[in-house]
Amino acid sequence: MSIKLLKDTVSDDDLGQVKTSLRLEPDMENDDVLLKMLIKAARRDIIGQVGERIDDFFDDNEVFNAAVILEVSHLYNHRSATSEQQTYEVPMALYSLINSMKDDYRYRIAKMDGWLDGDSSDNADADKNNENAAVSGQNEHHSEEGGENNG
C-alpha cells in the first residue's frame, strides 16, 4: 500500500486489529470514526519520523503495525487529557519501535543510493593494505629502538 493510502485510508482489518488491542467489541461502532482518525494520525506521525522515500517500506511491516497500534491505544486511552495537573507521556516502547524502523529505513536508503553496493573484495583489500601498513610501521619502530640499544 502506498504511503498516501496509508495516511488517508483505514481498512476494516486495520480497524479490527486496533479494536481488538483496545479490547473493544467488534460490533461496537460508537468510536469507529474516532479510531480511524487516530489510526491515520498515528500513521502520519510515525511515517513522518521514519521517512517517506521508500513507498513500500511500511507494507507488511509488523514493527510499523505494532507502533501504530501502540500510539493509537495511547491516544485513545488518554483522549480526555485536558487536565492541567496531569500529562501522559507516550510509552517508551513506541520510541524503541520507531528507532528500529529508522535504522532499517536508513539501511535501505543507503543501499538504494549505492552506499552499500561496493565490492566487498575491494573493501577487504583496503583493510588488508591498512593492516599491512600498520604492521610494517610497528616493525620499523621496533627495529629503530633495537638499534639504539645495541649501539
C-alpha atoms as a PDB file:
ATOM      1  CA  MET A   1       0.000   0.000   0.000  1.00  0.00           C
ATOM      2  CA  SER A   2       1.398   3.404  -0.865  1.00  0.00           C
ATOM      3  CA  ILE A   3       2.249   5.917   1.819  1.00  0.00           C
ATOM      4  CA  LYS A   4      -0.515   8.208   0.559  1.00  0.00           C
ATOM      5  CA  LEU A   5      -3.088   5.436   1.037  1.00  0.00           C
ATOM      6  CA  LEU A   6      -1.725   4.619   4.496  1.00  0.00           C
ATOM      7  CA  LYS A   7      -2.179   8.240   5.500  1.00  0.00           C
ATOM      8  CA  ASP A   8      -5.658   8.614   4.024  1.00  0.00           C
ATOM      9  CA  THR A   9      -7.484   5.291   4.428  1.00  0.00           C
ATOM     10  CA  VAL A  10      -8.104   2.687   7.103  1.00  0.00           C
ATOM     11  CA  SER A  11      -9.195  -0.825   6.181  1.00  0.00           C
ATOM     12  CA  ASP A  12     -11.715  -2.771   8.207  1.00  0.00           C
ATOM     13  CA  ASP A  13      -8.941  -5.234   9.112  1.00  0.00           C
ATOM     14  CA  ASP A  14      -6.758  -2.440  10.497  1.00  0.00           C
ATOM     15  CA  LEU A  15      -9.684  -1.045  12.458  1.00  0.00           C
ATOM     16  CA  GLY A  16     -10.438  -4.532  13.771  1.00  0.00           C
ATOM     17  CA  GLN A  17      -6.851  -5.010  14.950  1.00  0.00           C
ATOM     18  CA  VAL A  18      -6.941  -1.752  16.868  1.00  0.00           C
ATOM     19  CA  LYS A  19     -10.328  -2.579  18.396  1.00  0.00           C
ATOM     20  CA  THR A  20      -9.003  -5.972  19.463  1.00  0.00           C
ATOM     21  CA  SER A  21      -5.932  -4.394  21.075  1.00  0.00           C
ATOM     22  CA  LEU A  22      -8.202  -1.964  22.936  1.00  0.00           C
ATOM     23  CA  ARG A  23     -10.484  -4.845  23.928  1.00  0.00           C
ATOM     24  CA  LEU A  24     -13.466  -3.215  22.262  1.00  0.00           C
ATOM     25  CA  GLU A  25     -16.262  -5.360  20.918  1.00  0.00           C
ATOM     26  CA  PRO A  26     -16.063  -5.617  17.114  1.00  0.00           C
ATOM     27  CA  ASP A  27     -19.751  -4.739  16.718  1.00  0.00           C
ATOM     28  CA  MET A  28     -19.401  -1.677  18.944  1.00  0.00           C
ATOM     29  CA  GLU A  29     -19.232   1.078  16.334  1.00  0.00           C
ATOM     30  CA  ASN A  30     -19.589   4.166  18.533  1.00  0.00           C
ATOM     31  CA  ASP A  31     -15.907   5.103  18.312  1.00  0.00           C
ATOM     32  CA  ASP A  32     -15.109   3.847  14.793  1.00  0.00           C
ATOM     33  CA  VAL A  33     -14.814   7.359  13.350  1.00  0.00           C
ATOM     34  CA  LEU A  34     -12.534   8.421  16.207  1.00  0.00           C
ATOM     35  CA  LEU A  35     -10.419   5.263  15.899  1.00  0.00           C
ATOM     36  CA  LYS A  36      -9.984   5.720  12.140  1.00  0.00           C
ATOM     37  CA  MET A  37      -8.904   9.305  12.718  1.00  0.00           C
ATOM     38  CA  LEU A  38      -6.423   8.201  15.392  1.00  0.00           C
ATOM     39  CA  ILE A  39      -5.033   5.442  13.142  1.00  0.00           C
ATOM     40  CA  LYS A  40      -4.403   7.952  10.355  1.00  0.00           C
ATOM     41  CA  ALA A  41      -2.846  10.423  12.808  1.00  0.00           C
ATOM     42  CA  ALA A  42      -0.557   7.738  14.257  1.00  0.00           C
ATOM     43  CA  ARG A  43       0.485   6.576  10.790  1.00  0.00           C
ATOM     44  CA  ARG A  44       1.279  10.139   9.724  1.00  0.00           C
ATOM     45  CA  ASP A  45       3.285  10.730  12.874  1.00  0.00           C
ATOM     46  CA  ILE A  46       5.315   7.536  12.551  1.00  0.00           C
ATOM     47  CA  ILE A  47       5.860   7.846   8.800  1.00  0.00           C
ATOM     48  CA  GLY A  48       6.952  11.450   9.337  1.00  0.00           C
ATOM     49  CA  GLN A  49       9.540  10.339  11.880  1.00  0.00           C
ATOM     50  CA  VAL A  50      10.863   7.437   9.809  1.00  0.00           C
ATOM     51  CA  GLY A  51      10.731   8.745   6.220  1.00  0.00           C
ATOM     52  CA  GLU A  52       8.688   8.777   3.035  1.00  0.00           C
ATOM     53  CA  ARG A  53      11.204   7.968   0.302  1.00  0.00           C
ATOM     54  CA  ILE A  54      10.545   4.214   0.181  1.00  0.00           C
ATOM     55  CA  ASP A  55       6.882   3.881  -0.757  1.00  0.00           C
ATOM     56  CA  ASP A  56       6.542   0.193   0.152  1.00  0.00           C
ATOM     57  CA  PHE A  57       8.649   0.321   3.356  1.00  0.00           C
ATOM     58  CA  PHE A  58       5.611   0.147   5.632  1.00  0.00           C
ATOM     59  CA  ASP A  59       3.846  -2.646   3.697  1.00  0.00           C
ATOM     60  CA  ASP A  60       3.543  -5.800   5.810  1.00  0.00           C
ATOM     61  CA  ASN A  61       5.859  -4.190   8.361  1.00  0.00           C
ATOM     62  CA  GLU A  62       4.977  -5.696  11.736  1.00  0.00           C
ATOM     63  CA  VAL A  63       7.027  -3.131  13.632  1.00  0.00           C
ATOM     64  CA  PHE A  64       5.105  -0.321  11.924  1.00  0.00           C
ATOM     65  CA  ASN A  65       1.785  -2.008  12.670  1.00  0.00           C
ATOM     66  CA  ALA A  66       2.739  -2.503  16.320  1.00  0.00           C
ATOM     67  CA  ALA A  67       3.848   1.126  16.625  1.00  0.00           C
ATOM     68  CA  VAL A  68       0.574   2.345  15.110  1.00  0.00           C
ATOM     69  CA  ILE A  69      -1.471   0.188  17.485  1.00  0.00           C
ATOM     70  CA  LEU A  70       0.601   1.342  20.461  1.00  0.00           C
ATOM     71  CA  GLU A  71       0.239   5.019  19.567  1.00  0.00           C
ATOM     72  CA  VAL A  72      -3.488   4.701  18.822  1.00  0.00           C
ATOM     73  CA  SER A  73      -4.016   2.900  22.130  1.00  0.00           C
ATOM     74  CA  HIS A  74      -2.222   5.668  23.957  1.00  0.00           C
ATOM     75  CA  LEU A  75      -4.154   8.412  22.169  1.00  0.00           C
ATOM     76  CA  TYR A  76      -7.477   6.643  22.654  1.00  0.00           C
ATOM     77  CA  ASN A  77      -6.961   5.882  26.340  1.00  0.00           C
ATOM     78  CA  HIS A  78      -5.782   9.419  27.102  1.00  0.00           C
ATOM     79  CA  ARG A  79      -8.064  11.366  24.786  1.00  0.00           C
ATOM     80  CA  SER A  80      -9.568  13.328  27.643  1.00  0.00           C
ATOM     81  CA  ALA A  81      -6.199  14.549  28.876  1.00  0.00           C
ATOM     82  CA  THR A  82      -7.412  18.108  29.300  1.00  0.00           C
ATOM     83  CA  SER A  83      -6.444  18.265  32.936  1.00  0.00           C
ATOM     84  CA  GLU A  84      -3.942  20.954  33.849  1.00  0.00           C
ATOM     85  CA  GLN A  85      -2.390  18.770  36.512  1.00  0.00           C
ATOM     86  CA  GLN A  86      -1.608  15.506  34.781  1.00  0.00           C
ATOM     87  CA  THR A  87       0.066  14.747  31.477  1.00  0.00           C
ATOM     88  CA  TYR A  88       0.586  11.368  29.856  1.00  0.00           C
ATOM     89  CA  GLU A  89       3.868  10.506  28.230  1.00  0.00           C
ATOM     90  CA  VAL A  90       3.918   8.344  25.135  1.00  0.00           C
ATOM     91  CA  PRO A  91       5.066   4.813  26.071  1.00  0.00           C
ATOM     92  CA  MET A  92       8.827   4.327  25.796  1.00  0.00           C
ATOM     93  CA  ALA A  93       8.235   1.226  23.656  1.00  0.00           C
ATOM     94  CA  LEU A  94       6.917   3.475  20.885  1.00  0.00           C
ATOM     95  CA  TYR A  95      10.255   5.273  20.639  1.00  0.00           C
ATOM     96  CA  SER A  96      12.068   1.947  20.550  1.00  0.00           C
ATOM     97  CA  LEU A  97       9.878   0.685  17.688  1.00  0.00           C
ATOM     98  CA  ILE A  98      10.311   3.912  15.737  1.00  0.00           C
ATOM     99  CA  ASN A  99      14.081   3.872  16.217  1.00  0.00           C
ATOM    100  CA  SER A 100      14.341   0.293  14.985  1.00  0.00           C
ATOM    101  CA  MET A 101      12.355   1.257  11.887  1.00  0.00           C
ATOM    102  CA  LYS A 102      14.618   4.272  11.338  1.00  0.00           C
ATOM    103  CA  ASP A 103      17.674   2.009  11.392  1.00  0.00           C
ATOM    104  CA  ASP A 104      16.143  -0.364   8.850  1.00  0.00           C
ATOM    105  CA  TYR A 105      14.916   2.549   6.738  1.00  0.00           C
ATOM    106  CA  ARG A 106      18.359   4.228   6.680  1.00  0.00           C
ATOM    107  CA  TYR A 107      19.976   0.928   5.711  1.00  0.00           C
ATOM    108  CA  ARG A 108      17.569   0.518   2.784  1.00  0.00           C
ATOM    109  CA  ILE A 109      18.105   4.139   1.690  1.00  0.00           C
ATOM    110  CA  ALA A 110      21.877   3.680   1.811  1.00  0.00           C
ATOM    111  CA  LYS A 111      21.527   0.535  -0.268  1.00  0.00           C
ATOM    112  CA  MET A 112      19.262   2.326  -2.780  1.00  0.00           C
ATOM    113  CA  ASP A 113      21.728   5.204  -3.066  1.00  0.00           C
ATOM    114  CA  GLY A 114      24.609   2.824  -3.726  1.00  0.00           C
ATOM    115  CA  TRP A 115      26.446   3.394  -0.462  1.00  0.00           C
ATOM    116  CA  LEU A 116      26.428  -0.328   0.289  1.00  0.00           C
ATOM    117  CA  ASP A 117      26.919  -1.642  -3.257  1.00  0.00           C
ATOM    118  CA  GLY A 118      30.736  -1.537  -3.190  1.00  0.00           C
ATOM    119  CA  ASP A 119      32.509  -4.782  -3.988  1.00  0.00           C
ATOM    120  CA  SER A 120      33.391  -6.446  -0.711  1.00  0.00           C
ATOM    121  CA  SER A 121      36.697  -7.647  -2.160  1.00  0.00           C
ATOM    122  CA  ASP A 122      37.764  -4.006  -2.670  1.00  0.00           C
ATOM    123  CA  ASN A 123      36.970  -3.291   0.956  1.00  0.00           C
ATOM    124  CA  ALA A 124      38.783  -6.437   2.089  1.00  0.00           C
ATOM    125  CA  ASP A 125      41.870  -5.440   0.032  1.00  0.00           C
ATOM    126  CA  ALA A 126      41.833  -1.944   1.525  1.00  0.00           C
ATOM    127  CA  ASP A 127      41.540  -3.367   5.032  1.00  0.00           C
ATOM    128  CA  LYS A 128      44.413  -5.779   4.353  1.00  0.00           C
ATOM    129  CA  ASN A 129      46.598  -2.954   2.998  1.00  0.00           C
ATOM    130  CA  ASN A 130      45.844  -0.862   6.098  1.00  0.00           C
ATOM    131  CA  GLU A 131      46.744  -3.790   8.350  1.00  0.00           C
ATOM    132  CA  ASN A 132      49.993  -4.409   6.437  1.00  0.00           C
ATOM    133  CA  ALA A 133      50.959  -0.742   6.712  1.00  0.00           C
ATOM    134  CA  ALA A 134      50.280  -0.762  10.443  1.00  0.00           C
ATOM    135  CA  VAL A 135      52.361  -3.906  10.981  1.00  0.00           C
ATOM    136  CA  SER A 136      55.155  -2.524   8.813  1.00  0.00           C
ATOM    137  CA  GLY A 137      55.158   0.719  10.807  1.00  0.00           C
ATOM    138  CA  GLN A 138      55.345  -1.223  14.070  1.00  0.00           C
ATOM    139  CA  ASN A 139      58.254  -3.319  12.794  1.00  0.00           C
ATOM    140  CA  GLU A 140      60.195  -0.203  11.738  1.00  0.00           C
ATOM    141  CA  HIS A 141      59.584   1.357  15.145  1.00  0.00           C
ATOM    142  CA  HIS A 142      60.830  -1.761  16.957  1.00  0.00           C
ATOM    143  CA  SER A 143      63.951  -2.074  14.769  1.00  0.00           C
ATOM    144  CA  GLU A 144      64.855   1.578  15.407  1.00  0.00           C
ATOM    145  CA  GLU A 145      64.522   1.030  19.155  1.00  0.00           C
ATOM    146  CA  GLY A 146      66.631  -2.104  18.947  1.00  0.00           C
ATOM    147  CA  GLY A 147      69.390  -0.330  17.020  1.00  0.00           C
ATOM    148  CA  GLU A 148      69.709   2.388  19.643  1.00  0.00           C
ATOM    149  CA  ASN A 149      70.000  -0.101  22.478  1.00  0.00           C
ATOM    150  CA  ASN A 150      72.747  -2.115  20.758  1.00  0.00           C
ATOM    151  CA  GLY A 151      74.917   0.894  19.952  1.00  0.00           C
END
